[in-house]
């Protein structure tokens, strides 16, 4: 699928980018070239010197640039077959305090990716989304919902060109920087007497980085253009996670934070009429031109009209013992 292809990933020095690139080289040894496009020169320097990338460094290229800079991206996209768009401003409080900056990166940057991909003849573009784009209640989620809509509409916008766009939506990656697992572990290491939980009813999906990469590769291989992919993954209860990390510590409820939800939401009931189901994932089909795309999935199962998918109504739940094992893996 990716052999003899040139791939560019925006925000390529992040956790997802590094895992994605390593997986691509391992699964597709004949890949032609992988371009890392990001704005932090130090992170690029660190990545170039990481032992896991040394065997592949001859096939890697590093472009310093910002998705806000359309002219620079036009240069970077030359000769590229596939783009994975992972660059974004992601911190909820930072986006709330710097809304115009979030809009420039997450919305205007998305439009720049779309325009450059079409004008440079890129064949496929997969953009990463977030659970916070599903019925958003904060600015970060709102900008990512707008970004999702832009990429889906890009399939109509490109006219006679062959560029196709799809989106992959997932939630917080377990154990990643900023997630609750390292936060709890840090408190334990510092000798905390209790663990804070914003709301005892709170649930979250458990997503491993490998699963996020798998979903993007699935999208690249099978996308027709206009799909929004959502992977099926298990849920966890936050009090259970606290017990898995520190069974002897008590928990204290501190109240839900601004912009935070009780459950991590991936598919709304309003999207159910456009959603089809497969063994390991769902696809939300675009409202525009949906019938032309849906006939390309003749064996897909339609979800019920009242269907919604969030971490609180899941049929797959992790036990405390399963979480302990997964934490050891992390």
C-alpha atoms as a PDB file:
ATOM      1  CA  UNK A   1       0.000   0.000   0.000  1.00  0.00           C
ATOM      2  CA  UNK A   2       2.719   2.506   0.951  1.00  0.00           C
ATOM      3  CA  UNK A   3       5.667   0.940  -0.839  1.00  0.00           C
ATOM      4  CA  UNK A   4       7.202   3.326  -3.394  1.00  0.00           C
ATOM      5  CA  UNK A   5       5.115   6.189  -1.968  1.00  0.00           C
ATOM      6  CA  UNK A   6       6.207   9.531  -0.537  1.00  0.00           C
ATOM      7  CA  UNK A   7       4.397  10.381   2.701  1.00  0.00           C
ATOM      8  CA  UNK A   8       4.304  13.708   4.525  1.00  0.00           C
ATOM      9  CA  UNK A   9       3.064  14.110   8.093  1.00  0.00           C
ATOM     10  CA  UNK A  10       2.364  17.522   9.577  1.00  0.00           C
ATOM     11  CA  UNK A  11       3.186  17.754  13.265  1.00  0.00           C
ATOM     12  CA  UNK A  12       5.413  14.758  12.652  1.00  0.00           C
ATOM     13  CA  UNK A  13       7.548  15.165  15.796  1.00  0.00           C
ATOM     14  CA  UNK A  14       4.600  14.492  18.130  1.00  0.00           C
ATOM     15  CA  UNK A  15       3.759  11.196  19.829  1.00  0.00           C
ATOM     16  CA  UNK A  16       1.483  10.065  17.008  1.00  0.00           C
ATOM     17  CA  UNK A  17       3.885  11.183  14.287  1.00  0.00           C
ATOM     18  CA  UNK A  18       6.828   9.258  15.696  1.00  0.00           C
ATOM     19  CA  UNK A  19       4.786   6.093  16.212  1.00  0.00           C
ATOM     20  CA  UNK A  20       3.204   6.366  12.765  1.00  0.00           C
ATOM     21  CA  UNK A  21       6.539   6.858  10.996  1.00  0.00           C
ATOM     22  CA  UNK A  22       8.198   3.967  12.838  1.00  0.00           C
ATOM     23  CA  UNK A  23       5.250   1.697  11.973  1.00  0.00           C
ATOM     24  CA  UNK A  24       5.344   2.716   8.309  1.00  0.00           C
ATOM     25  CA  UNK A  25       9.027   1.831   7.984  1.00  0.00           C
ATOM     26  CA  UNK A  26       8.505  -1.499   9.747  1.00  0.00           C
ATOM     27  CA  UNK A  27       5.452  -2.546   7.700  1.00  0.00           C
ATOM     28  CA  UNK A  28       6.415  -1.018   4.355  1.00  0.00           C
ATOM     29  CA  UNK A  29      10.196  -1.308   3.936  1.00  0.00           C
ATOM     30  CA  UNK A  30       9.985  -0.139   0.320  1.00  0.00           C
ATOM     31  CA  UNK A  31       8.404   3.198   1.189  1.00  0.00           C
ATOM     32  CA  UNK A  32      10.091   5.838  -0.945  1.00  0.00           C
ATOM     33  CA  UNK A  33      10.323   8.760   1.507  1.00  0.00           C
ATOM     34  CA  UNK A  34       8.783  10.121   4.708  1.00  0.00           C
ATOM     35  CA  UNK A  35       8.720  13.882   5.232  1.00  0.00           C
ATOM     36  CA  UNK A  36       8.412  15.313   8.738  1.00  0.00           C
ATOM     37  CA  UNK A  37       6.802  18.757   8.572  1.00  0.00           C
ATOM     38  CA  UNK A  38       6.783  20.692  11.856  1.00  0.00           C
ATOM     39  CA  UNK A  39       7.747  24.052  13.314  1.00  0.00           C
ATOM     40  CA  UNK A  40      10.028  23.052  16.220  1.00  0.00           C
ATOM     41  CA  UNK A  41      13.657  22.724  15.113  1.00  0.00           C
ATOM     42  CA  UNK A  42      14.764  21.217  18.426  1.00  0.00           C
ATOM     43  CA  UNK A  43      12.174  18.427  18.297  1.00  0.00           C
ATOM     44  CA  UNK A  44      13.298  17.658  14.752  1.00  0.00           C
ATOM     45  CA  UNK A  45      16.922  17.528  15.918  1.00  0.00           C
ATOM     46  CA  UNK A  46      15.999  15.149  18.735  1.00  0.00           C
ATOM     47  CA  UNK A  47      13.991  12.946  16.373  1.00  0.00           C
ATOM     48  CA  UNK A  48      16.841  12.760  13.851  1.00  0.00           C
ATOM     49  CA  UNK A  49      19.082  11.396  16.604  1.00  0.00           C
ATOM     50  CA  UNK A  50      16.685   8.880  18.133  1.00  0.00           C
ATOM     51  CA  UNK A  51      18.075   5.307  17.839  1.00  0.00           C
ATOM     52  CA  UNK A  52      14.811   3.873  16.498  1.00  0.00           C
ATOM     53  CA  UNK A  53      15.000   6.129  13.430  1.00  0.00           C
ATOM     54  CA  UNK A  54      18.689   5.629  12.649  1.00  0.00           C
ATOM     55  CA  UNK A  55      18.057   2.647  10.305  1.00  0.00           C
ATOM     56  CA  UNK A  56      15.617   4.735   8.242  1.00  0.00           C
ATOM     57  CA  UNK A  57      17.216   8.167   8.314  1.00  0.00           C
ATOM     58  CA  UNK A  58      18.277   8.000   4.653  1.00  0.00           C
ATOM     59  CA  UNK A  59      14.588   7.909   3.687  1.00  0.00           C
ATOM     60  CA  UNK A  60      13.524  10.705   6.030  1.00  0.00           C
ATOM     61  CA  UNK A  61      13.347  14.408   5.255  1.00  0.00           C
ATOM     62  CA  UNK A  62      12.768  17.198   7.776  1.00  0.00           C
ATOM     63  CA  UNK A  63      10.938  20.398   6.793  1.00  0.00           C
ATOM     64  CA  UNK A  64      10.687  23.253   9.278  1.00  0.00           C
ATOM     65  CA  UNK A  65       7.419  24.993   8.610  1.00  0.00           C
ATOM     66  CA  UNK A  66       4.010  25.918   9.977  1.00  0.00           C
ATOM     67  CA  UNK A  67       0.640  24.831   8.584  1.00  0.00           C
ATOM     68  CA  UNK A  68      -0.246  28.541   8.671  1.00  0.00           C
ATOM     69  CA  UNK A  69       2.422  29.137   6.009  1.00  0.00           C
ATOM     70  CA  UNK A  70       0.789  28.106   2.733  1.00  0.00           C
ATOM     71  CA  UNK A  71       3.773  29.040   0.587  1.00  0.00           C
ATOM     72  CA  UNK A  72       6.094  26.824   2.638  1.00  0.00           C
ATOM     73  CA  UNK A  73       3.647  23.925   2.487  1.00  0.00           C
ATOM     74  CA  UNK A  74       3.348  24.244  -1.261  1.00  0.00           C
ATOM     75  CA  UNK A  75       7.083  23.606  -1.430  1.00  0.00           C
ATOM     76  CA  UNK A  76       6.934  20.717   1.061  1.00  0.00           C
ATOM     77  CA  UNK A  77       4.008  18.988  -0.728  1.00  0.00           C
ATOM     78  CA  UNK A  78       5.839  18.744  -4.055  1.00  0.00           C
ATOM     79  CA  UNK A  79       6.004  15.102  -5.178  1.00  0.00           C
ATOM     80  CA  UNK A  80       4.030  13.854  -2.139  1.00  0.00           C
ATOM     81  CA  UNK A  81       1.560  10.973  -2.584  1.00  0.00           C
ATOM     82  CA  UNK A  82      -0.048  10.835   0.890  1.00  0.00           C
ATOM     83  CA  UNK A  83      -0.449  13.441   3.636  1.00  0.00           C
ATOM     84  CA  UNK A  84      -1.314  12.726   7.266  1.00  0.00           C
ATOM     85  CA  UNK A  85      -2.359  15.942   9.007  1.00  0.00           C
ATOM     86  CA  UNK A  86      -1.550  15.702  12.729  1.00  0.00           C
ATOM     87  CA  UNK A  87      -0.510  19.304  13.467  1.00  0.00           C
ATOM     88  CA  UNK A  88      -2.841  21.250  15.756  1.00  0.00           C
ATOM     89  CA  UNK A  89      -3.070  23.363  18.867  1.00  0.00           C
ATOM     90  CA  UNK A  90      -4.511  20.749  21.260  1.00  0.00           C
ATOM     91  CA  UNK A  91      -4.458  22.071  24.828  1.00  0.00           C
ATOM     92  CA  UNK A  92      -7.985  23.101  25.851  1.00  0.00           C
ATOM     93  CA  UNK A  93      -6.974  25.946  28.242  1.00  0.00           C
ATOM     94  CA  UNK A  94      -4.414  27.313  25.770  1.00  0.00           C
ATOM     95  CA  UNK A  95      -7.048  27.456  23.033  1.00  0.00           C
ATOM     96  CA  UNK A  96      -9.520  29.175  25.361  1.00  0.00           C
ATOM     97  CA  UNK A  97      -6.990  31.892  26.265  1.00  0.00           C
ATOM     98  CA  UNK A  98      -5.602  32.200  22.720  1.00  0.00           C
ATOM     99  CA  UNK A  99      -8.658  31.683  20.495  1.00  0.00           C
ATOM    100  CA  UNK A 100      -7.355  33.532  17.450  1.00  0.00           C
ATOM    101  CA  UNK A 101      -4.176  31.456  17.476  1.00  0.00           C
ATOM    102  CA  UNK A 102      -6.210  28.246  17.667  1.00  0.00           C
ATOM    103  CA  UNK A 103      -8.312  29.374  14.711  1.00  0.00           C
ATOM    104  CA  UNK A 104      -5.218  30.229  12.654  1.00  0.00           C
ATOM    105  CA  UNK A 105      -3.651  26.808  13.208  1.00  0.00           C
ATOM    106  CA  UNK A 106      -6.633  24.453  13.443  1.00  0.00           C
ATOM    107  CA  UNK A 107      -8.944  26.042  10.861  1.00  0.00           C
ATOM    108  CA  UNK A 108      -6.865  28.211   8.531  1.00  0.00           C
ATOM    109  CA  UNK A 109      -4.077  25.624   8.702  1.00  0.00           C
ATOM    110  CA  UNK A 110      -6.532  22.913   7.700  1.00  0.00           C
ATOM    111  CA  UNK A 111      -7.641  24.935   4.681  1.00  0.00           C
ATOM    112  CA  UNK A 112      -3.997  25.432   3.698  1.00  0.00           C
ATOM    113  CA  UNK A 113      -3.416  21.666   3.819  1.00  0.00           C
ATOM    114  CA  UNK A 114      -6.469  21.113   1.620  1.00  0.00           C
ATOM    115  CA  UNK A 115      -5.488  23.749  -0.953  1.00  0.00           C
ATOM    116  CA  UNK A 116      -1.865  22.617  -1.143  1.00  0.00           C
ATOM    117  CA  UNK A 117      -2.818  18.949  -1.444  1.00  0.00           C
ATOM    118  CA  UNK A 118      -5.170  19.652  -4.335  1.00  0.00           C
ATOM    119  CA  UNK A 119      -2.796  22.002  -6.138  1.00  0.00           C
ATOM    120  CA  UNK A 120       0.179  19.628  -5.741  1.00  0.00           C
ATOM    121  CA  UNK A 121      -1.766  16.549  -6.841  1.00  0.00           C
ATOM    122  CA  UNK A 122      -1.554  14.635  -3.546  1.00  0.00           C
ATOM    123  CA  UNK A 123      -3.612  11.441  -3.886  1.00  0.00           C
ATOM    124  CA  UNK A 124      -4.840  10.934  -0.307  1.00  0.00           C
ATOM    125  CA  UNK A 125      -5.065  13.088   2.822  1.00  0.00           C
ATOM    126  CA  UNK A 126      -6.042  11.757   6.269  1.00  0.00           C
ATOM    127  CA  UNK A 127      -6.641  14.367   8.982  1.00  0.00           C
ATOM    128  CA  UNK A 128      -6.614  13.514  12.677  1.00  0.00           C
ATOM    129  CA  UNK A 129      -9.582  14.612  14.754  1.00  0.00           C
ATOM    130  CA  UNK A 130     -10.581  14.365  18.417  1.00  0.00           C
ATOM    131  CA  UNK A 131     -13.517  13.328  20.574  1.00  0.00           C
ATOM    132  CA  UNK A 132     -13.778  17.001  21.556  1.00  0.00           C
ATOM    133  CA  UNK A 133     -14.949  17.794  17.995  1.00  0.00           C
ATOM    134  CA  UNK A 134     -18.068  15.706  18.679  1.00  0.00           C
ATOM    135  CA  UNK A 135     -20.738  18.068  20.069  1.00  0.00           C
ATOM    136  CA  UNK A 136     -18.003  20.522  21.142  1.00  0.00           C
ATOM    137  CA  UNK A 137     -18.249  22.531  24.349  1.00  0.00           C
ATOM    138  CA  UNK A 138     -14.858  24.273  24.153  1.00  0.00           C
ATOM    139  CA  UNK A 139     -12.992  26.261  21.524  1.00  0.00           C
ATOM    140  CA  UNK A 140     -10.506  23.495  20.769  1.00  0.00           C
ATOM    141  CA  UNK A 141     -13.347  21.113  19.953  1.00  0.00           C
ATOM    142  CA  UNK A 142     -15.123  23.761  17.892  1.00  0.00           C
ATOM    143  CA  UNK A 143     -12.025  24.435  15.787  1.00  0.00           C
ATOM    144  CA  UNK A 144     -11.493  20.718  15.205  1.00  0.00           C
ATOM    145  CA  UNK A 145     -15.130  20.220  14.215  1.00  0.00           C
ATOM    146  CA  UNK A 146     -14.689  23.023  11.701  1.00  0.00           C
ATOM    147  CA  UNK A 147     -11.484  21.355  10.498  1.00  0.00           C
ATOM    148  CA  UNK A 148     -13.307  18.027  10.086  1.00  0.00           C
ATOM    149  CA  UNK A 149     -16.018  19.711   8.016  1.00  0.00           C
ATOM    150  CA  UNK A 150     -13.397  21.379   5.824  1.00  0.00           C
ATOM    151  CA  UNK A 151     -11.624  18.108   5.060  1.00  0.00           C
ATOM    152  CA  UNK A 152     -14.873  16.277   4.297  1.00  0.00           C
ATOM    153  CA  UNK A 153     -15.989  19.109   2.001  1.00  0.00           C
ATOM    154  CA  UNK A 154     -12.574  19.045   0.333  1.00  0.00           C
ATOM    155  CA  UNK A 155     -13.739  16.040  -1.680  1.00  0.00           C
ATOM    156  CA  UNK A 156     -16.287  18.246  -3.433  1.00  0.00           C
ATOM    157  CA  UNK A 157     -14.043  21.296  -3.472  1.00  0.00           C
ATOM    158  CA  UNK A 158     -11.296  19.544  -5.464  1.00  0.00           C
ATOM    159  CA  UNK A 159     -13.459  19.312  -8.602  1.00  0.00           C
ATOM    160  CA  UNK A 160     -11.905  17.142 -11.301  1.00  0.00           C
ATOM    161  CA  UNK A 161      -8.694  16.630  -9.327  1.00  0.00           C
ATOM    162  CA  UNK A 162      -8.060  13.153  -7.863  1.00  0.00           C
ATOM    163  CA  UNK A 163      -7.186  14.211  -4.304  1.00  0.00           C
ATOM    164  CA  UNK A 164      -9.314  12.450  -1.674  1.00  0.00           C
ATOM    165  CA  UNK A 165      -9.782  13.433   1.973  1.00  0.00           C
ATOM    166  CA  UNK A 166     -10.837  11.466   5.064  1.00  0.00           C
ATOM    167  CA  UNK A 167     -10.779  12.024   8.833  1.00  0.00           C
ATOM    168  CA  UNK A 168      -9.864   9.735  11.738  1.00  0.00           C
ATOM    169  CA  UNK A 169     -11.392  10.663  15.111  1.00  0.00           C
ATOM    170  CA  UNK A 170     -10.050   9.350  18.403  1.00  0.00           C
ATOM    171  CA  UNK A 171      -9.772  10.433  22.036  1.00  0.00           C
ATOM    172  CA  UNK A 172      -6.923  10.775  24.495  1.00  0.00           C
ATOM    173  CA  UNK A 173      -4.163   8.214  24.104  1.00  0.00           C
ATOM    174  CA  UNK A 174      -3.544   6.293  27.335  1.00  0.00           C
ATOM    175  CA  UNK A 175      -0.192   7.197  28.840  1.00  0.00           C
ATOM    176  CA  UNK A 176       0.519  10.065  26.444  1.00  0.00           C
ATOM    177  CA  UNK A 177       1.836  13.413  27.626  1.00  0.00           C
ATOM    178  CA  UNK A 178      -0.919  15.259  29.439  1.00  0.00           C
ATOM    179  CA  UNK A 179      -3.121  12.190  30.018  1.00  0.00           C
ATOM    180  CA  UNK A 180      -4.360  11.185  33.460  1.00  0.00           C
ATOM    181  CA  UNK A 181      -2.185   8.066  33.880  1.00  0.00           C
ATOM    182  CA  UNK A 182       1.197   9.847  34.137  1.00  0.00           C
ATOM    183  CA  UNK A 183      -0.518  12.535  36.233  1.00  0.00           C
ATOM    184  CA  UNK A 184      -1.737   9.952  38.765  1.00  0.00           C
ATOM    185  CA  UNK A 185       1.624   8.190  38.760  1.00  0.00           C
ATOM    186  CA  UNK A 186       3.428  11.479  39.398  1.00  0.00           C
ATOM    187  CA  UNK A 187       1.212  12.144  42.422  1.00  0.00           C
ATOM    188  CA  UNK A 188       1.889   8.649  43.773  1.00  0.00           C
ATOM    189  CA  UNK A 189       5.649   9.082  43.329  1.00  0.00           C
ATOM    190  CA  UNK A 190       5.483  12.395  45.171  1.00  0.00           C
ATOM    191  CA  UNK A 191       3.816  10.734  48.154  1.00  0.00           C
ATOM    192  CA  UNK A 192       0.241  11.916  47.671  1.00  0.00           C
ATOM    193  CA  UNK A 193      -2.314  10.691  50.229  1.00  0.00           C
ATOM    194  CA  UNK A 194      -5.245  10.811  47.809  1.00  0.00           C
ATOM    195  CA  UNK A 195      -5.970  10.981  44.077  1.00  0.00           C
ATOM    196  CA  UNK A 196      -8.243  13.729  42.677  1.00  0.00           C
ATOM    197  CA  UNK A 197     -11.095  12.777  40.349  1.00  0.00           C
ATOM    198  CA  UNK A 198     -13.167  15.512  38.782  1.00  0.00           C
ATOM    199  CA  UNK A 199     -16.385  13.435  38.825  1.00  0.00           C
ATOM    200  CA  UNK A 200     -16.897   9.864  40.083  1.00  0.00           C
ATOM    201  CA  UNK A 201     -19.218   9.160  37.127  1.00  0.00           C
ATOM    202  CA  UNK A 202     -16.525  10.022  34.622  1.00  0.00           C
ATOM    203  CA  UNK A 203     -15.562   7.486  31.956  1.00  0.00           C
ATOM    204  CA  UNK A 204     -12.961   7.531  29.213  1.00  0.00           C
ATOM    205  CA  UNK A 205     -11.967   5.376  26.255  1.00  0.00           C
ATOM    206  CA  UNK A 206      -8.704   3.460  26.491  1.00  0.00           C
ATOM    207  CA  UNK A 207      -6.807   4.004  23.260  1.00  0.00           C
ATOM    208  CA  UNK A 208      -3.289   2.795  22.651  1.00  0.00           C
ATOM    209  CA  UNK A 209      -1.086   4.728  20.249  1.00  0.00           C
ATOM    210  CA  UNK A 210      -0.767   1.609  18.102  1.00  0.00           C
ATOM    211  CA  UNK A 211      -4.546   1.573  17.623  1.00  0.00           C
ATOM    212  CA  UNK A 212      -4.581   5.182  16.440  1.00  0.00           C
ATOM    213  CA  UNK A 213      -1.880   4.364  13.887  1.00  0.00           C
ATOM    214  CA  UNK A 214      -3.763   1.254  12.731  1.00  0.00           C
ATOM    215  CA  UNK A 215      -6.913   3.293  12.121  1.00  0.00           C
ATOM    216  CA  UNK A 216      -5.033   5.848  10.014  1.00  0.00           C
ATOM    217  CA  UNK A 217      -3.450   3.074   7.936  1.00  0.00           C
ATOM    218  CA  UNK A 218      -6.907   1.518   7.494  1.00  0.00           C
ATOM    219  CA  UNK A 219      -8.221   4.857   6.249  1.00  0.00           C
ATOM    220  CA  UNK A 220      -5.325   5.337   3.833  1.00  0.00           C
ATOM    221  CA  UNK A 221      -5.858   1.909   2.324  1.00  0.00           C
ATOM    222  CA  UNK A 222      -9.647   1.847   1.955  1.00  0.00           C
ATOM    223  CA  UNK A 223     -10.919   5.452   1.934  1.00  0.00           C
ATOM    224  CA  UNK A 224     -13.090   6.565  -0.955  1.00  0.00           C
ATOM    225  CA  UNK A 225     -13.169  10.201   0.154  1.00  0.00           C
ATOM    226  CA  UNK A 226     -15.425  11.850   2.733  1.00  0.00           C
ATOM    227  CA  UNK A 227     -15.366   9.234   5.488  1.00  0.00           C
ATOM    228  CA  UNK A 228     -14.895   9.978   9.175  1.00  0.00           C
ATOM    229  CA  UNK A 229     -13.480   6.879  10.891  1.00  0.00           C
ATOM    230  CA  UNK A 230     -14.083   6.039  14.563  1.00  0.00           C
ATOM    231  CA  UNK A 231     -12.345   2.996  16.063  1.00  0.00           C
ATOM    232  CA  UNK A 232     -14.120   0.679  18.501  1.00  0.00           C
ATOM    233  CA  UNK A 233     -12.146   0.644  21.760  1.00  0.00           C
ATOM    234  CA  UNK A 234     -12.880  -0.283  25.393  1.00  0.00           C
ATOM    235  CA  UNK A 235     -13.922   2.142  28.131  1.00  0.00           C
ATOM    236  CA  UNK A 236     -12.754   2.612  31.707  1.00  0.00           C
ATOM    237  CA  UNK A 237     -14.206   4.235  34.802  1.00  0.00           C
ATOM    238  CA  UNK A 238     -11.980   6.853  36.377  1.00  0.00           C
ATOM    239  CA  UNK A 239     -12.355   5.558  39.964  1.00  0.00           C
ATOM    240  CA  UNK A 240     -11.298   2.108  38.667  1.00  0.00           C
ATOM    241  CA  UNK A 241      -8.224   3.627  37.035  1.00  0.00           C
ATOM    242  CA  UNK A 242      -7.261   5.238  40.341  1.00  0.00           C
ATOM    243  CA  UNK A 243      -7.555   1.842  42.059  1.00  0.00           C
ATOM    244  CA  UNK A 244      -5.456   0.212  39.332  1.00  0.00           C
ATOM    245  CA  UNK A 245      -2.657   2.730  39.864  1.00  0.00           C
ATOM    246  CA  UNK A 246      -2.821   3.146  43.644  1.00  0.00           C
ATOM    247  CA  UNK A 247      -5.232   0.685  45.313  1.00  0.00           C
ATOM    248  CA  UNK A 248      -4.358   1.894  48.827  1.00  0.00           C
ATOM    249  CA  UNK A 249      -5.042   5.567  48.210  1.00  0.00           C
ATOM    250  CA  UNK A 250      -8.473   7.109  48.655  1.00  0.00           C
ATOM    251  CA  UNK A 251     -10.009   9.256  45.940  1.00  0.00           C
ATOM    252  CA  UNK A 252     -11.545  12.698  46.304  1.00  0.00           C
ATOM    253  CA  UNK A 253     -14.013  14.356  43.923  1.00  0.00           C
ATOM    254  CA  UNK A 254     -12.867  17.869  42.996  1.00  0.00           C
ATOM    255  CA  UNK A 255     -15.511  18.930  40.476  1.00  0.00           C
ATOM    256  CA  UNK A 256     -15.609  18.915  36.696  1.00  0.00           C
ATOM    257  CA  UNK A 257     -13.344  21.392  34.914  1.00  0.00           C
ATOM    258  CA  UNK A 258     -14.441  23.947  32.297  1.00  0.00           C
ATOM    259  CA  UNK A 259     -14.744  22.344  28.876  1.00  0.00           C
ATOM    260  CA  UNK A 260     -14.720  18.808  30.278  1.00  0.00           C
ATOM    261  CA  UNK A 261     -17.381  16.137  29.681  1.00  0.00           C
ATOM    262  CA  UNK A 262     -18.498  13.233  31.857  1.00  0.00           C
ATOM    263  CA  UNK A 263     -18.123  10.855  28.910  1.00  0.00           C
ATOM    264  CA  UNK A 264     -15.816  10.949  25.907  1.00  0.00           C
ATOM    265  CA  UNK A 265     -18.118  11.250  22.884  1.00  0.00           C
ATOM    266  CA  UNK A 266     -17.287  10.000  19.389  1.00  0.00           C
ATOM    267  CA  UNK A 267     -20.587   9.762  17.474  1.00  0.00           C
ATOM    268  CA  UNK A 268     -23.716  11.793  18.225  1.00  0.00           C
ATOM    269  CA  UNK A 269     -27.278  10.599  17.774  1.00  0.00           C
ATOM    270  CA  UNK A 270     -27.652  13.205  15.028  1.00  0.00           C
ATOM    271  CA  UNK A 271     -24.870  11.477  13.067  1.00  0.00           C
ATOM    272  CA  UNK A 272     -26.478   8.030  13.407  1.00  0.00           C
ATOM    273  CA  UNK A 273     -28.396   8.306  10.140  1.00  0.00           C
ATOM    274  CA  UNK A 274     -25.066   8.667   8.313  1.00  0.00           C
ATOM    275  CA  UNK A 275     -23.138   6.024  10.272  1.00  0.00           C
ATOM    276  CA  UNK A 276     -22.228   2.507   9.160  1.00  0.00           C
ATOM    277  CA  UNK A 277     -20.610  -0.194  11.268  1.00  0.00           C
ATOM    278  CA  UNK A 278     -17.796  -2.667  10.703  1.00  0.00           C
ATOM    279  CA  UNK A 279     -16.194  -5.230  13.009  1.00  0.00           C
ATOM    280  CA  UNK A 280     -13.548  -2.902  14.454  1.00  0.00           C
ATOM    281  CA  UNK A 281     -14.726   0.607  13.594  1.00  0.00           C
ATOM    282  CA  UNK A 282     -17.528   2.916  12.507  1.00  0.00           C
ATOM    283  CA  UNK A 283     -17.620   5.292   9.546  1.00  0.00           C
ATOM    284  CA  UNK A 284     -19.646   8.499   9.529  1.00  0.00           C
ATOM    285  CA  UNK A 285     -20.462   9.130   5.885  1.00  0.00           C
ATOM    286  CA  UNK A 286     -20.670  12.712   4.598  1.00  0.00           C
ATOM    287  CA  UNK A 287     -24.121  14.270   4.356  1.00  0.00           C
ATOM    288  CA  UNK A 288     -23.123  15.748   1.022  1.00  0.00           C
ATOM    289  CA  UNK A 289     -22.925  13.044  -1.664  1.00  0.00           C
ATOM    290  CA  UNK A 290     -23.538  10.322   0.961  1.00  0.00           C
ATOM    291  CA  UNK A 291     -25.372   7.954  -1.387  1.00  0.00           C
ATOM    292  CA  UNK A 292     -22.539   7.978  -3.929  1.00  0.00           C
ATOM    293  CA  UNK A 293     -20.109   6.913  -1.215  1.00  0.00           C
ATOM    294  CA  UNK A 294     -22.364   4.522   0.731  1.00  0.00           C
ATOM    295  CA  UNK A 295     -22.877   2.238  -2.282  1.00  0.00           C
ATOM    296  CA  UNK A 296     -19.140   1.534  -2.151  1.00  0.00           C
ATOM    297  CA  UNK A 297     -19.742  -0.173   1.209  1.00  0.00           C
ATOM    298  CA  UNK A 298     -22.510  -2.620   0.221  1.00  0.00           C
ATOM    299  CA  UNK A 299     -21.870  -5.035   3.114  1.00  0.00           C
ATOM    300  CA  UNK A 300     -21.762  -2.411   5.847  1.00  0.00           C
ATOM    301  CA  UNK A 301     -24.346  -2.475   8.620  1.00  0.00           C
ATOM    302  CA  UNK A 302     -26.387   0.644   9.325  1.00  0.00           C
ATOM    303  CA  UNK A 303     -26.577   1.660  12.972  1.00  0.00           C
ATOM    304  CA  UNK A 304     -29.992   2.322  14.582  1.00  0.00           C
ATOM    305  CA  UNK A 305     -31.454   5.818  14.291  1.00  0.00           C
ATOM    306  CA  UNK A 306     -31.052   6.428  18.022  1.00  0.00           C
ATOM    307  CA  UNK A 307     -27.447   5.208  18.092  1.00  0.00           C
ATOM    308  CA  UNK A 308     -24.706   7.218  19.782  1.00  0.00           C
ATOM    309  CA  UNK A 309     -21.201   6.177  20.768  1.00  0.00           C
ATOM    310  CA  UNK A 310     -19.518   7.460  23.881  1.00  0.00           C
ATOM    311  CA  UNK A 311     -17.370   6.027  26.653  1.00  0.00           C
ATOM    312  CA  UNK A 312     -20.377   5.707  28.977  1.00  0.00           C
ATOM    313  CA  UNK A 313     -22.559   3.492  26.768  1.00  0.00           C
ATOM    314  CA  UNK A 314     -19.841   1.168  25.515  1.00  0.00           C
ATOM    315  CA  UNK A 315     -20.272  -2.619  25.513  1.00  0.00           C
ATOM    316  CA  UNK A 316     -16.544  -3.149  26.177  1.00  0.00           C
ATOM    317  CA  UNK A 317     -15.192  -2.268  29.629  1.00  0.00           C
ATOM    318  CA  UNK A 318     -11.761  -2.772  31.161  1.00  0.00           C
ATOM    319  CA  UNK A 319     -11.490  -4.387  34.583  1.00  0.00           C
ATOM    320  CA  UNK A 320      -9.053  -3.094  37.198  1.00  0.00           C
ATOM    321  CA  UNK A 321      -6.776  -6.083  36.570  1.00  0.00           C
ATOM    322  CA  UNK A 322      -6.797  -5.448  32.807  1.00  0.00           C
ATOM    323  CA  UNK A 323      -5.892  -1.821  33.401  1.00  0.00           C
ATOM    324  CA  UNK A 324      -3.001  -2.842  35.650  1.00  0.00           C
ATOM    325  CA  UNK A 325      -1.617  -5.001  32.856  1.00  0.00           C
ATOM    326  CA  UNK A 326      -2.030  -2.253  30.266  1.00  0.00           C
ATOM    327  CA  UNK A 327      -0.348   0.275  32.551  1.00  0.00           C
ATOM    328  CA  UNK A 328       2.632  -2.087  32.856  1.00  0.00           C
ATOM    329  CA  UNK A 329       2.822  -2.174  29.054  1.00  0.00           C
ATOM    330  CA  UNK A 330       2.862   1.635  28.923  1.00  0.00           C
END
